[in-house]
Amino acid sequence: MRIGIIAPEVFLSWVAARTNTIRIGHGVVCMPFGFNHPVRVAERAAMLDLLSGGRLDLGAGRGGTLQETSLCGVDRDRTEAEVEEALRIIGRAWREEELEYHGELIDIDPHPILPRPAQAPHPPLFLACSRGETLVKAAELGVGALVMGFAGPESIAGMRAVYDAARAERDGSRFVSDAVNDHFCVLCPTVVLDDPEEARRIGIRGQRFFAQAIGHWYGGAGAPDEAVVPGADEAAELRRAAEQVVARLHEQDVPVRPTSTATFHADHAYGSADEAIAYVERLREAGADEVMCLVQMGTVPQEACMETLRQWGEKVIPHFRGGVNARTGDAAERYAGY
């Protein structure tokens, strides 16, 4: 089975050395203490921000699957609380001359923490959000939201409403830093080729692998299918895979919710550059401030990944660069690098 990126700070340092303008999105660092001590995260992230010339965005997640937590002895019941304390410690380490922290879960005696990040007061902080509760927490902590976008723009609009409602009601007492980040960043599965039908076929096949992999690691389903069959009706195969999920939940007497099959929704930025632009416009109308392109999904061949990046760089991003976000009125340069 294919694996993800290991030691992401090393990879992102390589990316930073070969680029000049794009943001370096570290989404996400698993922040429970057994995975990463908060001070070490602050140090590594600050160094990456310096090496990139102040282009880092730092996302936090809890890595809550048994596959992840069992390796490092992480207490799954403490992961959410530890992520929140880690964000507080990181924000403080970047802003104060000497870090001292005494919380419910960890105590840190006075220490100078170096280096300091290039961005002042520090890189934007984000939280991975897959549920309404985490969207509310992100807003209350004053950090941006990184959300899955598989269910489509209508679902994104609902998630944005939850985030905005929590922002409107917060009183600032839970902020992890005085540098508040309210950006709402949405996952955008995409494959863009000159042949739109081939792009859709490749993208939907890759998405089926991705969706099955999530079901395997998070829900105990079987291992994802990696076979690529030439000429297959991939949209039909994706629907069939979603039906199998529903059948398995029925067998286990587990309620079937809209989120149960959200990752099997096929309407994404697959196709031509114009179709990708139209889809991103829908995401923006739904409330997305930024998008995170998901391209390398299991079975997607490397040449399709590289061509997608080229098409986004030459055709999709220029459409949005220099414009104005219709929802907020903000200039779009901040969003154009995603």
Protein backbone atom coordinates (compact mmCIF):
# COMPACT_ATOMS: atom_id res chain seq x y z
CA MET A 1 0.00 0.00 0.00
CA ARG A 2 1.26 3.48 -0.85
CA ILE A 3 2.41 5.71 1.98
CA GLY A 4 2.33 9.44 2.56
CA ILE A 5 5.17 11.86 3.12
CA ILE A 6 7.43 11.03 6.04
CA ALA A 7 9.46 13.80 7.76
CA PRO A 8 7.46 16.60 6.09
CA GLU A 9 9.70 19.39 7.37
CA VAL A 10 12.58 17.87 5.39
CA PHE A 11 10.47 17.69 2.24
CA LEU A 12 9.09 21.20 2.73
CA SER A 13 12.61 22.58 3.21
CA TRP A 14 13.44 21.11 -0.20
CA VAL A 15 10.31 22.77 -1.63
CA ALA A 16 11.16 26.10 0.00
CA ALA A 17 14.65 26.05 -1.51
CA ARG A 18 13.22 25.62 -5.02
CA THR A 19 10.40 28.15 -4.90
CA ASN A 20 10.07 31.86 -4.28
CA THR A 21 6.45 32.93 -3.90
CA ILE A 22 4.11 30.05 -3.05
CA ARG A 23 3.08 29.55 0.55
CA ILE A 24 4.55 26.51 2.30
CA GLY A 25 1.50 24.83 3.77
CA HIS A 26 2.43 22.37 6.53
CA GLY A 27 -0.93 20.71 6.92
CA VAL A 28 -0.80 19.13 9.36
CA VAL A 29 1.62 18.45 12.21
CA CYS A 30 0.27 15.79 14.56
CA MET A 31 0.56 17.70 17.82
CA PRO A 32 -0.22 15.30 20.67
CA PHE A 33 2.87 15.30 22.87
CA GLY A 34 3.80 11.67 22.16
CA PHE A 35 4.16 12.51 18.47
CA ASN A 36 5.84 15.89 18.78
CA HIS A 37 6.80 18.00 21.78
CA PRO A 38 5.25 21.47 21.25
CA VAL A 39 8.58 23.25 21.69
CA ARG A 40 10.20 21.06 19.04
CA VAL A 41 7.34 21.88 16.67
CA ALA A 42 7.86 25.59 17.35
CA GLU A 43 11.61 25.30 16.68
CA ARG A 44 11.28 23.26 13.48
CA ALA A 45 8.48 25.42 12.11
CA ALA A 46 10.35 28.64 12.86
CA MET A 47 13.42 27.32 11.03
CA LEU A 48 11.26 26.37 8.05
CA ASP A 49 9.71 29.83 8.07
CA LEU A 50 13.19 31.38 8.02
CA LEU A 51 14.41 29.11 5.22
CA SER A 52 11.34 29.93 3.13
CA GLY A 53 11.61 33.66 3.66
CA GLY A 54 8.44 33.86 5.74
CA ARG A 55 6.10 31.71 3.68
CA LEU A 56 5.01 29.06 6.20
CA ASP A 57 1.45 28.25 7.27
CA LEU A 58 1.30 25.76 10.15
CA GLY A 59 -1.61 23.37 10.60
CA ALA A 60 -2.34 21.25 13.67
CA GLY A 61 -4.03 17.87 13.81
CA ARG A 62 -4.41 15.07 16.32
CA GLY A 63 -3.59 11.93 14.31
CA GLY A 64 -6.25 10.03 16.17
CA THR A 65 -6.29 6.65 14.43
CA LEU A 66 -5.11 3.54 16.28
CA GLN A 67 -2.55 2.99 13.53
CA GLU A 68 -0.94 6.33 14.40
CA THR A 69 -1.34 6.53 18.17
CA SER A 70 -0.25 2.95 18.91
CA LEU A 71 3.21 3.53 17.41
CA CYS A 72 4.12 6.39 19.74
CA GLY A 73 2.11 5.48 22.82
CA VAL A 74 -0.27 8.41 22.41
CA ASP A 75 -3.32 8.43 24.67
CA ARG A 76 -6.22 8.80 22.23
CA ASP A 77 -8.45 10.26 24.94
CA ARG A 78 -6.05 13.18 25.43
CA THR A 79 -5.33 14.05 21.80
CA GLU A 80 -7.78 16.95 21.44
CA ALA A 81 -6.72 18.58 24.69
CA GLU A 82 -3.04 18.12 23.87
CA VAL A 83 -3.45 19.72 20.43
CA GLU A 84 -5.05 22.78 22.03
CA GLU A 85 -2.27 23.12 24.62
CA ALA A 86 0.35 22.61 21.90
CA LEU A 87 -1.09 25.51 19.90
CA ARG A 88 -0.99 27.72 22.99
CA ILE A 89 2.62 26.78 23.70
CA ILE A 90 3.72 27.33 20.10
CA GLY A 91 2.04 30.72 19.87
CA ARG A 92 3.65 31.77 23.15
CA ALA A 93 7.09 30.39 22.24
CA TRP A 94 7.13 32.52 19.10
CA ARG A 95 6.05 35.73 20.85
CA GLU A 96 7.86 35.74 24.19
CA GLU A 97 11.55 36.24 24.97
CA GLU A 98 11.47 33.29 27.35
CA LEU A 99 8.87 30.53 27.34
CA GLU A 100 7.29 29.41 30.59
CA TYR A 101 4.12 27.36 30.50
CA HIS A 102 2.13 25.60 33.19
CA GLY A 103 -1.04 23.98 31.91
CA GLU A 104 -3.35 21.11 32.72
CA LEU A 105 -1.29 18.59 30.74
CA ILE A 106 2.28 19.85 30.60
CA ASP A 107 4.68 22.09 32.54
CA ILE A 108 7.61 23.91 30.93
CA ASP A 109 10.05 25.84 33.11
CA PRO A 110 11.55 29.08 31.72
CA HIS A 111 13.59 28.51 28.54
CA PRO A 112 14.61 30.71 25.62
CA ILE A 113 13.20 29.17 22.43
CA LEU A 114 15.07 29.78 19.18
CA PRO A 115 14.97 30.53 16.32
CA ARG A 116 12.22 33.07 15.91
CA PRO A 117 10.12 32.83 12.73
CA ALA A 118 10.54 35.33 9.90
CA GLN A 119 6.85 36.31 9.93
CA ALA A 120 5.79 38.74 12.64
CA PRO A 121 4.47 37.91 15.08
CA HIS A 122 4.46 34.35 13.72
CA PRO A 123 3.21 32.11 10.87
CA PRO A 124 -0.58 31.70 10.57
CA LEU A 125 -1.94 28.81 12.61
CA PHE A 126 -4.62 26.40 11.38
CA LEU A 127 -6.54 23.43 12.79
CA ALA A 128 -7.69 20.38 10.85
CA CYS A 129 -11.51 20.31 11.02
CA SER A 130 -13.69 17.37 10.01
CA ARG A 131 -16.64 17.97 12.35
CA GLY A 132 -18.78 20.86 13.49
CA GLU A 133 -17.21 20.66 16.94
CA THR A 134 -13.71 21.19 15.58
CA LEU A 135 -14.89 24.10 13.42
CA VAL A 136 -16.27 25.76 16.55
CA LYS A 137 -13.02 25.05 18.40
CA ALA A 138 -10.92 26.55 15.59
CA ALA A 139 -12.98 29.74 15.67
CA GLU A 140 -12.80 29.99 19.45
CA LEU A 141 -9.03 29.40 19.44
CA GLY A 142 -8.57 32.11 16.82
CA VAL A 143 -7.00 29.82 14.23
CA GLY A 144 -7.86 29.06 10.63
CA ALA A 145 -9.86 26.01 9.61
CA LEU A 146 -8.54 23.29 7.29
CA VAL A 147 -11.59 21.39 6.07
CA MET A 148 -12.21 18.36 3.89
CA GLY A 149 -14.03 19.32 0.71
CA PHE A 150 -15.14 15.97 -0.66
CA ALA A 151 -18.85 16.52 -0.05
CA GLY A 152 -18.92 19.50 -2.42
CA PRO A 153 -19.62 23.24 -2.26
CA GLU A 154 -23.03 22.91 -0.63
CA SER A 155 -21.48 21.08 2.32
CA ILE A 156 -18.67 23.63 2.44
CA ALA A 157 -21.20 26.44 2.72
CA GLY A 158 -22.74 24.74 5.75
CA MET A 159 -19.35 24.29 7.37
CA ARG A 160 -18.50 27.92 6.71
CA ALA A 161 -21.74 28.95 8.42
CA VAL A 162 -20.79 26.96 11.54
CA TYR A 163 -17.32 28.56 11.60
CA ASP A 164 -18.67 32.08 11.10
CA ALA A 165 -21.34 31.64 13.78
CA ALA A 166 -18.67 30.56 16.26
CA ARG A 167 -16.50 33.53 15.27
CA ALA A 168 -19.41 35.89 15.89
CA GLU A 169 -20.08 34.45 19.34
CA ARG A 170 -16.51 34.11 20.64
CA ASP A 171 -15.20 36.49 23.29
CA GLY A 172 -11.47 35.93 22.73
CA SER A 173 -10.90 34.18 26.03
CA ARG A 174 -9.68 30.98 24.32
CA PHE A 175 -7.41 32.57 21.71
CA VAL A 176 -4.07 30.75 21.48
CA SER A 177 -2.36 33.92 20.26
CA ASP A 178 -3.11 37.59 19.79
CA ALA A 179 -2.39 37.02 16.08
CA VAL A 180 -5.82 35.73 15.07
CA ASN A 181 -6.18 33.85 11.79
CA ASP A 182 -9.72 33.50 10.43
CA HIS A 183 -8.93 31.91 7.05
CA PHE A 184 -11.21 29.10 5.93
CA CYS A 185 -9.15 26.70 3.80
CA VAL A 186 -10.86 23.95 1.79
CA LEU A 187 -9.53 20.74 0.26
CA CYS A 188 -9.94 20.67 -3.52
CA PRO A 189 -9.42 17.29 -5.22
CA THR A 190 -8.19 18.01 -8.74
CA VAL A 191 -6.72 16.50 -11.87
CA VAL A 192 -6.48 18.85 -14.87
CA LEU A 193 -5.39 17.65 -18.33
CA ASP A 194 -5.88 18.67 -21.96
CA ASP A 195 -8.17 15.64 -22.23
CA PRO A 196 -10.98 16.44 -19.74
CA GLU A 197 -12.51 12.96 -19.85
CA GLU A 198 -9.18 11.35 -19.07
CA ALA A 199 -8.68 13.80 -16.22
CA ARG A 200 -12.05 12.85 -14.75
CA ARG A 201 -11.33 9.15 -15.12
CA ILE A 202 -7.93 9.44 -13.43
CA GLY A 203 -9.19 11.77 -10.71
CA ILE A 204 -12.24 9.74 -9.79
CA ARG A 205 -10.21 6.51 -9.75
CA GLY A 206 -7.66 8.14 -7.44
CA GLN A 207 -10.43 9.47 -5.23
CA ARG A 208 -11.88 5.98 -4.84
CA PHE A 209 -8.51 4.77 -3.54
CA PHE A 210 -8.32 7.77 -1.19
CA ALA A 211 -11.86 7.26 0.13
CA GLN A 212 -11.31 3.55 0.68
CA ALA A 213 -8.01 4.27 2.44
CA ILE A 214 -9.80 6.61 4.87
CA GLY A 215 -12.39 3.91 5.49
CA HIS A 216 -9.64 1.38 6.10
CA TRP A 217 -7.60 3.41 8.59
CA TYR A 218 -10.42 5.26 10.31
CA GLY A 219 -13.32 2.83 10.05
CA GLY A 220 -11.84 -0.64 9.97
CA ALA A 221 -12.88 -1.39 6.37
CA GLY A 222 -10.82 -3.56 4.05
CA ALA A 223 -7.65 -2.36 2.32
CA PRO A 224 -8.26 -0.04 -0.65
CA ASP A 225 -8.36 -1.43 -4.16
CA GLU A 226 -5.31 -0.31 -6.19
CA ALA A 227 -6.20 -1.94 -9.52
CA VAL A 228 -6.53 0.42 -12.49
CA VAL A 229 -8.67 -1.11 -15.25
CA PRO A 230 -8.39 0.59 -18.67
CA GLY A 231 -11.76 1.76 -19.97
CA ALA A 232 -13.57 1.26 -16.66
CA ASP A 233 -16.52 3.50 -15.81
CA GLU A 234 -14.84 5.04 -12.79
CA ALA A 235 -17.85 7.15 -11.80
CA ALA A 236 -19.94 3.99 -11.60
CA GLU A 237 -17.19 2.23 -9.64
CA LEU A 238 -17.09 5.11 -7.17
CA ARG A 239 -20.86 4.90 -6.67
CA ARG A 240 -20.59 1.14 -6.19
CA ALA A 241 -17.89 1.63 -3.55
CA ALA A 242 -20.14 4.09 -1.72
CA GLU A 243 -22.98 1.55 -1.78
CA GLN A 244 -20.65 -1.02 -0.25
CA VAL A 245 -19.93 1.37 2.62
CA VAL A 246 -23.65 1.83 3.24
CA ALA A 247 -24.23 -1.95 3.15
CA ARG A 248 -21.40 -2.54 5.65
CA LEU A 249 -22.83 0.07 8.04
CA HIS A 250 -26.28 -1.53 7.81
CA GLU A 251 -24.76 -4.92 8.63
CA GLN A 252 -23.14 -3.40 11.72
CA ASP A 253 -26.34 -1.55 12.73
CA VAL A 254 -24.48 1.75 12.42
CA PRO A 255 -26.58 4.78 11.39
CA VAL A 256 -25.84 5.99 7.86
CA ARG A 257 -25.26 9.73 7.86
CA PRO A 258 -24.48 12.10 4.96
CA THR A 259 -20.86 12.15 6.12
CA SER A 260 -20.65 8.35 5.80
CA THR A 261 -20.22 8.57 2.02
CA ALA A 262 -19.02 12.17 1.66
CA THR A 263 -15.60 11.10 0.37
CA PHE A 264 -17.28 9.30 -2.54
CA HIS A 265 -18.77 12.49 -4.01
CA ALA A 266 -17.31 12.82 -7.54
CA ASP A 267 -18.07 16.44 -8.43
CA HIS A 268 -14.67 18.13 -8.12
CA ALA A 269 -12.04 19.99 -10.12
CA TYR A 270 -11.49 17.13 -12.54
CA GLY A 271 -11.35 17.97 -16.25
CA SER A 272 -10.09 21.00 -18.16
CA ALA A 273 -8.55 24.13 -16.68
CA ASP A 274 -11.81 26.00 -17.35
CA GLU A 275 -13.75 23.35 -15.43
CA ALA A 276 -11.30 23.61 -12.53
CA ILE A 277 -11.73 27.40 -12.50
CA ALA A 278 -15.50 27.01 -12.43
CA TYR A 279 -15.31 24.56 -9.53
CA VAL A 280 -13.01 26.81 -7.49
CA GLU A 281 -15.43 29.69 -8.13
CA ARG A 282 -18.14 27.52 -6.57
CA LEU A 283 -15.92 26.87 -3.56
CA ARG A 284 -15.24 30.58 -3.21
CA GLU A 285 -18.96 31.35 -3.36
CA ALA A 286 -19.46 28.71 -0.65
CA GLY A 287 -17.03 30.57 1.62
CA ALA A 288 -13.56 29.23 0.86
CA ASP A 289 -10.79 31.77 1.41
CA GLU A 290 -8.12 29.37 0.22
CA VAL A 291 -7.99 25.94 -1.40
CA MET A 292 -5.63 23.03 -0.82
CA CYS A 293 -5.16 21.02 -4.00
CA LEU A 294 -5.30 17.27 -3.52
CA VAL A 295 -3.71 15.67 -6.58
CA GLN A 296 -1.59 12.68 -5.61
CA MET A 297 -4.34 10.26 -4.64
CA GLY A 298 -2.98 6.72 -4.65
CA THR A 299 -3.50 5.58 -8.23
CA VAL A 300 -2.98 8.96 -9.96
CA PRO A 301 0.14 8.56 -12.13
CA GLN A 302 3.06 10.94 -11.63
CA GLU A 303 2.75 12.43 -15.11
CA ALA A 304 -0.87 13.39 -14.43
CA CYS A 305 0.18 15.00 -11.13
CA MET A 306 2.87 17.07 -12.85
CA GLU A 307 0.59 18.12 -15.71
CA THR A 308 -2.09 19.15 -13.21
CA LEU A 309 0.40 21.36 -11.37
CA ARG A 310 1.46 22.92 -14.67
CA GLN A 311 -2.13 23.61 -15.73
CA TRP A 312 -2.96 25.16 -12.35
CA GLY A 313 0.15 27.32 -12.51
CA GLU A 314 -0.40 28.50 -16.05
CA LYS A 315 -4.19 28.71 -16.27
CA VAL A 316 -6.09 28.29 -13.00
CA ILE A 317 -4.12 30.42 -10.53
CA PRO A 318 -3.72 33.40 -12.92
CA HIS A 319 -7.52 33.58 -13.16
CA PHE A 320 -7.74 34.33 -9.45
CA ARG A 321 -4.53 36.31 -8.94
CA GLY A 322 -5.05 40.02 -8.47
CA GLY A 323 -8.81 39.75 -8.09
CA VAL A 324 -11.02 40.37 -5.11
CA ASN A 325 -12.78 37.83 -2.93
CA ALA A 326 -16.43 38.59 -3.61
CA ARG A 327 -17.51 37.41 -0.16
CA THR A 328 -15.00 39.39 1.92
CA GLY A 329 -13.77 42.12 -0.41
CA ASP A 330 -10.17 41.15 0.39
CA ALA A 331 -7.47 41.17 -2.26
CA ALA A 332 -6.84 37.69 -3.65
CA GLU A 333 -3.04 37.63 -3.64
CA ARG A 334 -3.08 35.80 -0.31
CA TYR A 335 -5.10 33.00 -1.85
CA ALA A 336 -3.43 32.75 -5.27
CA GLY A 337 -0.59 30.48 -4.19
CA TYR A 338 -2.81 27.61 -3.10
